[in-house]
PDB file of all heavy atoms in Angstrom:
ATOM      1  N   ALA A   1      40.780 -11.504  25.918  1.00  0.00           N
ATOM      2  CA  ALA A   1      40.415 -11.412  24.500  1.00  0.00           C
ATOM      3  C   ALA A   1      41.290 -12.280  23.613  1.00  0.00           C
ATOM      4  O   ALA A   1      40.788 -12.961  22.699  1.00  0.00           O
ATOM      5  CB  ALA A   1      40.485  -9.960  24.043  1.00  0.00           C
ATOM      6  N   GLU A   2      42.593 -12.287  23.875  1.00  0.00           N
ATOM      7  CA  GLU A   2      43.493 -13.076  23.016  1.00  0.00           C
ATOM      8  C   GLU A   2      43.188 -14.558  23.109  1.00  0.00           C
ATOM      9  O   GLU A   2      43.103 -15.259  22.091  1.00  0.00           O
ATOM     10  CB  GLU A   2      44.948 -12.807  23.401  1.00  0.00           C
ATOM     11  CG  GLU A   2      45.939 -13.524  22.517  1.00  0.00           C
ATOM     12  CD  GLU A   2      47.385 -13.170  22.816  1.00  0.00           C
ATOM     13  OE1 GLU A   2      47.634 -12.414  23.781  1.00  0.00           O
ATOM     14  OE2 GLU A   2      48.272 -13.640  22.077  1.00  0.00           O
ATOM     15  N   ILE A   3      43.007 -15.052  24.339  1.00  0.00           N
ATOM     16  CA  ILE A   3      42.694 -16.473  24.517  1.00  0.00           C
ATOM     17  C   ILE A   3      41.344 -16.801  23.890  1.00  0.00           C
ATOM     18  O   ILE A   3      41.178 -17.832  23.217  1.00  0.00           O
ATOM     19  CB  ILE A   3      42.712 -16.840  26.016  1.00  0.00           C
ATOM     20  CG1 ILE A   3      44.126 -16.669  26.579  1.00  0.00           C
ATOM     21  CG2 ILE A   3      42.204 -18.257  26.228  1.00  0.00           C
ATOM     22  CD1 ILE A   3      44.209 -16.833  28.077  1.00  0.00           C
ATOM     23  N   PHE A   4      40.371 -15.921  24.092  1.00  0.00           N
ATOM     24  CA  PHE A   4      39.034 -16.132  23.537  1.00  0.00           C
ATOM     25  C   PHE A   4      39.094 -16.236  22.015  1.00  0.00           C
ATOM     26  O   PHE A   4      38.515 -17.157  21.415  1.00  0.00           O
ATOM     27  CB  PHE A   4      38.121 -14.982  23.957  1.00  0.00           C
ATOM     28  CG  PHE A   4      36.685 -15.135  23.539  1.00  0.00           C
ATOM     29  CD1 PHE A   4      35.776 -15.780  24.358  1.00  0.00           C
ATOM     30  CD2 PHE A   4      36.244 -14.619  22.328  1.00  0.00           C
ATOM     31  CE1 PHE A   4      34.445 -15.919  23.973  1.00  0.00           C
ATOM     32  CE2 PHE A   4      34.922 -14.747  21.928  1.00  0.00           C
ATOM     33  CZ  PHE A   4      34.020 -15.401  22.756  1.00  0.00           C
ATOM     34  N   LEU A   5      39.798 -15.311  21.380  1.00  0.00           N
ATOM     35  CA  LEU A   5      39.865 -15.299  19.915  1.00  0.00           C
ATOM     36  C   LEU A   5      40.635 -16.498  19.362  1.00  0.00           C
ATOM     37  O   LEU A   5      40.361 -16.960  18.252  1.00  0.00           O
ATOM     38  CB  LEU A   5      40.498 -13.993  19.436  1.00  0.00           C
ATOM     39  CG  LEU A   5      39.643 -12.737  19.618  1.00  0.00           C
ATOM     40  CD1 LEU A   5      40.471 -11.487  19.388  1.00  0.00           C
ATOM     41  CD2 LEU A   5      38.429 -12.763  18.690  1.00  0.00           C
ATOM     42  N   LYS A   6      41.589 -16.998  20.136  1.00  0.00           N
ATOM     43  CA  LYS A   6      42.378 -18.146  19.678  1.00  0.00           C
ATOM     44  C   LYS A   6      41.646 -19.474  19.859  1.00  0.00           C
ATOM     45  O   LYS A   6      41.946 -20.448  19.147  1.00  0.00           O
ATOM     46  CB  LYS A   6      43.707 -18.207  20.431  1.00  0.00           C
ATOM     47  CG  LYS A   6      44.730 -17.181  19.968  1.00  0.00           C
ATOM     48  CD  LYS A   6      46.027 -17.320  20.753  1.00  0.00           C
ATOM     49  CE  LYS A   6      47.093 -16.370  20.215  1.00  0.00           C
ATOM     50  NZ  LYS A   6      48.363 -16.459  20.999  1.00  0.00           N
ATOM     51  N   THR A   7      40.720 -19.519  20.794  1.00  0.00           N
ATOM     52  CA  THR A   7      40.095 -20.802  21.129  1.00  0.00           C
ATOM     53  C   THR A   7      38.642 -20.927  20.684  1.00  0.00           C
ATOM     54  O   THR A   7      38.092 -22.026  20.698  1.00  0.00           O
ATOM     55  CB  THR A   7      40.157 -21.052  22.643  1.00  0.00           C
ATOM     56  OG1 THR A   7      39.523 -19.959  23.336  1.00  0.00           O
ATOM     57  CG2 THR A   7      41.599 -21.168  23.112  1.00  0.00           C
ATOM     58  N   ARG A   8      38.025 -19.828  20.295  1.00  0.00           N
ATOM     59  CA  ARG A   8      36.631 -19.881  19.850  1.00  0.00           C
ATOM     60  C   ARG A   8      36.555 -19.686  18.342  1.00  0.00           C
ATOM     61  O   ARG A   8      37.440 -19.087  17.733  1.00  0.00           O
ATOM     62  CB  ARG A   8      35.807 -18.796  20.565  1.00  0.00           C
ATOM     63  CG  ARG A   8      35.871 -18.873  22.087  1.00  0.00           C
ATOM     64  CD  ARG A   8      35.049 -20.032  22.620  1.00  0.00           C
ATOM     65  NE  ARG A   8      33.644 -19.729  22.587  1.00  0.00           N
ATOM     66  CZ  ARG A   8      32.963 -19.214  23.625  1.00  0.00           C
ATOM     67  NH1 ARG A   8      33.580 -18.965  24.763  1.00  0.00           N
ATOM     68  NH2 ARG A   8      31.686 -18.966  23.515  1.00  0.00           N
ATOM     69  N   THR A   9      35.488 -20.165  17.757  1.00  0.00           N
ATOM     70  CA  THR A   9      35.376 -20.117  16.297  1.00  0.00           C
ATOM     71  C   THR A   9      34.230 -19.240  15.801  1.00  0.00           C
ATOM     72  O   THR A   9      34.017 -19.132  14.593  1.00  0.00           O
ATOM     73  CB  THR A   9      35.180 -21.538  15.739  1.00  0.00           C
ATOM     74  OG1 THR A   9      33.983 -22.105  16.308  1.00  0.00           O
ATOM     75  CG2 THR A   9      36.369 -22.422  16.066  1.00  0.00           C
ATOM     76  N   GLU A  10      33.489 -18.604  16.699  1.00  0.00           N
ATOM     77  CA  GLU A  10      32.364 -17.772  16.274  1.00  0.00           C
ATOM     78  C   GLU A  10      32.826 -16.617  15.385  1.00  0.00           C
ATOM     79  O   GLU A  10      33.894 -16.050  15.594  1.00  0.00           O
ATOM     80  CB  GLU A  10      31.621 -17.203  17.492  1.00  0.00           C
ATOM     81  CG  GLU A  10      30.938 -18.225  18.356  1.00  0.00           C
ATOM     82  CD  GLU A  10      31.817 -18.717  19.489  1.00  0.00           C
ATOM     83  OE1 GLU A  10      33.055 -18.566  19.407  1.00  0.00           O
ATOM     84  OE2 GLU A  10      31.264 -19.250  20.460  1.00  0.00           O
ATOM     85  N   GLU A  11      31.996 -16.284  14.425  1.00  0.00           N
ATOM     86  CA  GLU A  11      32.258 -15.156  13.534  1.00  0.00           C
ATOM     87  C   GLU A  11      31.396 -13.959  13.957  1.00  0.00           C
ATOM     88  O   GLU A  11      30.271 -14.126  14.430  1.00  0.00           O
ATOM     89  CB  GLU A  11      31.933 -15.530  12.087  1.00  0.00           C
ATOM     90  CG  GLU A  11      32.829 -16.618  11.507  1.00  0.00           C
ATOM     91  CD  GLU A  11      34.206 -16.082  11.131  1.00  0.00           C
ATOM     92  OE1 GLU A  11      34.299 -14.900  10.772  1.00  0.00           O
ATOM     93  OE2 GLU A  11      35.177 -16.866  11.198  1.00  0.00           O
ATOM     94  N   TYR A  12      31.932 -12.757  13.756  1.00  0.00           N
ATOM     95  CA  TYR A  12      31.218 -11.529  14.095  1.00  0.00           C
ATOM     96  C   TYR A  12      31.267 -10.567  12.916  1.00  0.00           C
ATOM     97  O   TYR A  12      32.107 -10.698  12.017  1.00  0.00           O
ATOM     98  CB  TYR A  12      31.846 -10.868  15.326  1.00  0.00           C
ATOM     99  CG  TYR A  12      31.801 -11.753  16.550  1.00  0.00           C
ATOM    100  CD1 TYR A  12      32.842 -12.647  16.827  1.00  0.00           C
ATOM    101  CD2 TYR A  12      30.712 -11.732  17.414  1.00  0.00           C
ATOM    102  CE1 TYR A  12      32.792 -13.487  17.929  1.00  0.00           C
ATOM    103  CE2 TYR A  12      30.657 -12.573  18.519  1.00  0.00           C
ATOM    104  CZ  TYR A  12      31.701 -13.439  18.773  1.00  0.00           C
ATOM    105  OH  TYR A  12      31.641 -14.268  19.862  1.00  0.00           O
ATOM    106  N   ASP A  13      30.368  -9.593  12.933  1.00  0.00           N
ATOM    107  CA  ASP A  13      30.378  -8.568  11.895  1.00  0.00           C
ATOM    108  C   ASP A  13      31.398  -7.475  12.211  1.00  0.00           C
ATOM    109  O   ASP A  13      32.025  -6.935  11.300  1.00  0.00           O
ATOM    110  CB  ASP A  13      28.981  -7.951  11.754  1.00  0.00           C
ATOM    111  CG  ASP A  13      27.960  -8.972  11.274  1.00  0.00           C
ATOM    112  OD1 ASP A  13      28.107  -9.454  10.137  1.00  0.00           O
ATOM    113  OD2 ASP A  13      27.039  -9.294  12.041  1.00  0.00           O
ATOM    114  N   VAL A  14      31.533  -7.160  13.494  1.00  0.00           N
ATOM    115  CA  VAL A  14      32.501  -6.152  13.937  1.00  0.00           C
ATOM    116  C   VAL A  14      33.082  -6.582  15.278  1.00  0.00           C
ATOM    117  O   VAL A  14      32.355  -7.080  16.149  1.00  0.00           O
ATOM    118  CB  VAL A  14      31.856  -4.754  14.114  1.00  0.00           C
ATOM    119  CG1 VAL A  14      32.926  -3.714  14.472  1.00  0.00           C
ATOM    120  CG2 VAL A  14      31.099  -4.324  12.874  1.00  0.00           C
ATOM    121  N   ILE A  15      34.386  -6.388  15.448  1.00  0.00           N
ATOM    122  CA  ILE A  15      35.038  -6.586  16.747  1.00  0.00           C
ATOM    123  C   ILE A  15      35.582  -5.240  17.202  1.00  0.00           C
ATOM    124  O   ILE A  15      36.181  -4.491  16.420  1.00  0.00           O
ATOM    125  CB  ILE A  15      36.157  -7.639  16.659  1.00  0.00           C
ATOM    126  CG1 ILE A  15      35.537  -9.019  16.388  1.00  0.00           C
ATOM    127  CG2 ILE A  15      36.974  -7.673  17.956  1.00  0.00           C
ATOM    128  CD1 ILE A  15      36.542 -10.154  16.277  1.00  0.00           C
ATOM    129  N   TYR A  16      35.373  -4.942  18.467  1.00  0.00           N
ATOM    130  CA  TYR A  16      35.657  -3.607  19.012  1.00  0.00           C
ATOM    131  C   TYR A  16      36.649  -3.686  20.163  1.00  0.00           C
ATOM    132  O   TYR A  16      36.562  -4.582  21.010  1.00  0.00           O
ATOM    133  CB  TYR A  16      34.341  -2.996  19.504  1.00  0.00           C
ATOM    134  CG  TYR A  16      34.448  -1.643  20.155  1.00  0.00           C
ATOM    135  CD1 TYR A  16      34.933  -0.535  19.471  1.00  0.00           C
ATOM    136  CD2 TYR A  16      34.019  -1.470  21.474  1.00  0.00           C
ATOM    137  CE1 TYR A  16      35.003   0.712  20.084  1.00  0.00           C
ATOM    138  CE2 TYR A  16      34.073  -0.229  22.085  1.00  0.00           C
ATOM    139  CZ  TYR A  16      34.568   0.859  21.380  1.00  0.00           C
ATOM    140  OH  TYR A  16      34.631   2.091  21.989  1.00  0.00           O
ATOM    141  N   PHE A  17      37.586  -2.728  20.176  1.00  0.00           N
ATOM    142  CA  PHE A  17      38.538  -2.593  21.279  1.00  0.00           C
ATOM    143  C   PHE A  17      38.502  -1.158  21.805  1.00  0.00           C
ATOM    144  O   PHE A  17      38.598  -0.209  21.015  1.00  0.00           O
ATOM    145  CB  PHE A  17      39.971  -2.887  20.824  1.00  0.00           C
ATOM    146  CG  PHE A  17      40.246  -4.314  20.458  1.00  0.00           C
ATOM    147  CD1 PHE A  17      40.131  -4.738  19.138  1.00  0.00           C
ATOM    148  CD2 PHE A  17      40.636  -5.242  21.421  1.00  0.00           C
ATOM    149  CE1 PHE A  17      40.401  -6.056  18.777  1.00  0.00           C
ATOM    150  CE2 PHE A  17      40.906  -6.556  21.073  1.00  0.00           C
ATOM    151  CZ  PHE A  17      40.790  -6.966  19.750  1.00  0.00           C
ATOM    152  N   ASP A  18      38.396  -1.023  23.102  1.00  0.00           N
ATOM    153  CA  ASP A  18      38.506   0.284  23.757  1.00  0.00           C
ATOM    154  C   ASP A  18      39.538   0.139  24.874  1.00  0.00           C
ATOM    155  O   ASP A  18      39.194   0.030  26.053  1.00  0.00           O
ATOM    156  CB  ASP A  18      37.149   0.708  24.325  1.00  0.00           C
ATOM    157  CG  ASP A  18      37.206   2.036  25.078  1.00  0.00           C
ATOM    158  OD1 ASP A  18      38.253   2.722  24.997  1.00  0.00           O
ATOM    159  OD2 ASP A  18      36.220   2.378  25.754  1.00  0.00           O
ATOM    160  N   PRO A  19      40.834   0.101  24.529  1.00  0.00           N
ATOM    161  CA  PRO A  19      41.870  -0.119  25.551  1.00  0.00           C
ATOM    162  C   PRO A  19      41.951   1.050  26.516  1.00  0.00           C
ATOM    163  O   PRO A  19      41.576   2.180  26.182  1.00  0.00           O
ATOM    164  CB  PRO A  19      43.150  -0.257  24.723  1.00  0.00           C
ATOM    165  CG  PRO A  19      42.867   0.465  23.451  1.00  0.00           C
ATOM    166  CD  PRO A  19      41.407   0.277  23.181  1.00  0.00           C
ATOM    167  N   MET A  20      42.453   0.765  27.716  1.00  0.00           N
ATOM    168  CA  MET A  20      42.595   1.802  28.738  1.00  0.00           C
ATOM    169  C   MET A  20      43.583   2.864  28.273  1.00  0.00           C
ATOM    170  O   MET A  20      44.696   2.554  27.883  1.00  0.00           O
ATOM    171  CB  MET A  20      43.091   1.167  30.044  1.00  0.00           C
ATOM    172  CG  MET A  20      43.326   2.147  31.176  1.00  0.00           C
ATOM    173  SD  MET A  20      41.807   2.797  31.879  1.00  0.00           S
ATOM    174  CE  MET A  20      41.245   1.374  32.817  1.00  0.00           C
ATOM    175  N   PHE A  21      43.155   4.122  28.325  1.00  0.00           N
ATOM    176  CA  PHE A  21      44.063   5.212  27.982  1.00  0.00           C
ATOM    177  C   PHE A  21      45.195   5.272  29.001  1.00  0.00           C
ATOM    178  O   PHE A  21      44.975   5.126  30.207  1.00  0.00           O
ATOM    179  CB  PHE A  21      43.339   6.565  27.991  1.00  0.00           C
ATOM    180  CG  PHE A  21      42.289   6.709  26.931  1.00  0.00           C
ATOM    181  CD1 PHE A  21      41.161   7.478  27.160  1.00  0.00           C
ATOM    182  CD2 PHE A  21      42.413   6.093  25.696  1.00  0.00           C
ATOM    183  CE1 PHE A  21      40.188   7.629  26.186  1.00  0.00           C
ATOM    184  CE2 PHE A  21      41.450   6.239  24.714  1.00  0.00           C
ATOM    185  CZ  PHE A  21      40.334   7.011  24.960  1.00  0.00           C
ATOM    186  N   GLU A  22      46.420   5.516  28.522  1.00  0.00           N
ATOM    187  CA  GLU A  22      47.559   5.626  29.432  1.00  0.00           C
ATOM    188  C   GLU A  22      47.411   6.816  30.364  1.00  0.00           C
ATOM    189  O   GLU A  22      47.778   6.767  31.528  1.00  0.00           O
ATOM    190  CB  GLU A  22      48.860   5.735  28.638  1.00  0.00           C
ATOM    191  CG  GLU A  22      49.234   4.462  27.910  1.00  0.00           C
ATOM    192  CD  GLU A  22      50.580   4.571  27.231  1.00  0.00           C
ATOM    193  OE1 GLU A  22      51.311   5.537  27.522  1.00  0.00           O
ATOM    194  OE2 GLU A  22      50.903   3.695  26.415  1.00  0.00           O
ATOM    195  N   THR A  23      46.882   7.930  29.828  1.00  0.00           N
ATOM    196  CA  THR A  23      46.625   9.127  30.627  1.00  0.00           C
ATOM    197  C   THR A  23      45.129   9.270  30.790  1.00  0.00           C
ATOM    198  O   THR A  23      44.407   9.311  29.794  1.00  0.00           O
ATOM    199  CB  THR A  23      47.189  10.387  29.945  1.00  0.00           C
ATOM    200  OG1 THR A  23      48.573  10.188  29.701  1.00  0.00           O
ATOM    201  CG2 THR A  23      46.990  11.610  30.835  1.00  0.00           C
ATOM    202  N   PRO A  24      44.609   9.323  32.023  1.00  0.00           N
ATOM    203  CA  PRO A  24      43.169   9.388  32.219  1.00  0.00           C
ATOM    204  C   PRO A  24      42.556  10.629  31.578  1.00  0.00           C
ATOM    205  O   PRO A  24      43.181  11.679  31.499  1.00  0.00           O
ATOM    206  CB  PRO A  24      43.019   9.448  33.755  1.00  0.00           C
ATOM    207  CG  PRO A  24      44.315   8.972  34.296  1.00  0.00           C
ATOM    208  CD  PRO A  24      45.353   9.335  33.293  1.00  0.00           C
TER     209      PRO A  24
END
């Protein structure tokens, strides 16, 4: 995601993150 956001120029209405929970 970091590389994608730094190298691409497309605009979006919403960007979403669902990171892995530390405790399942």
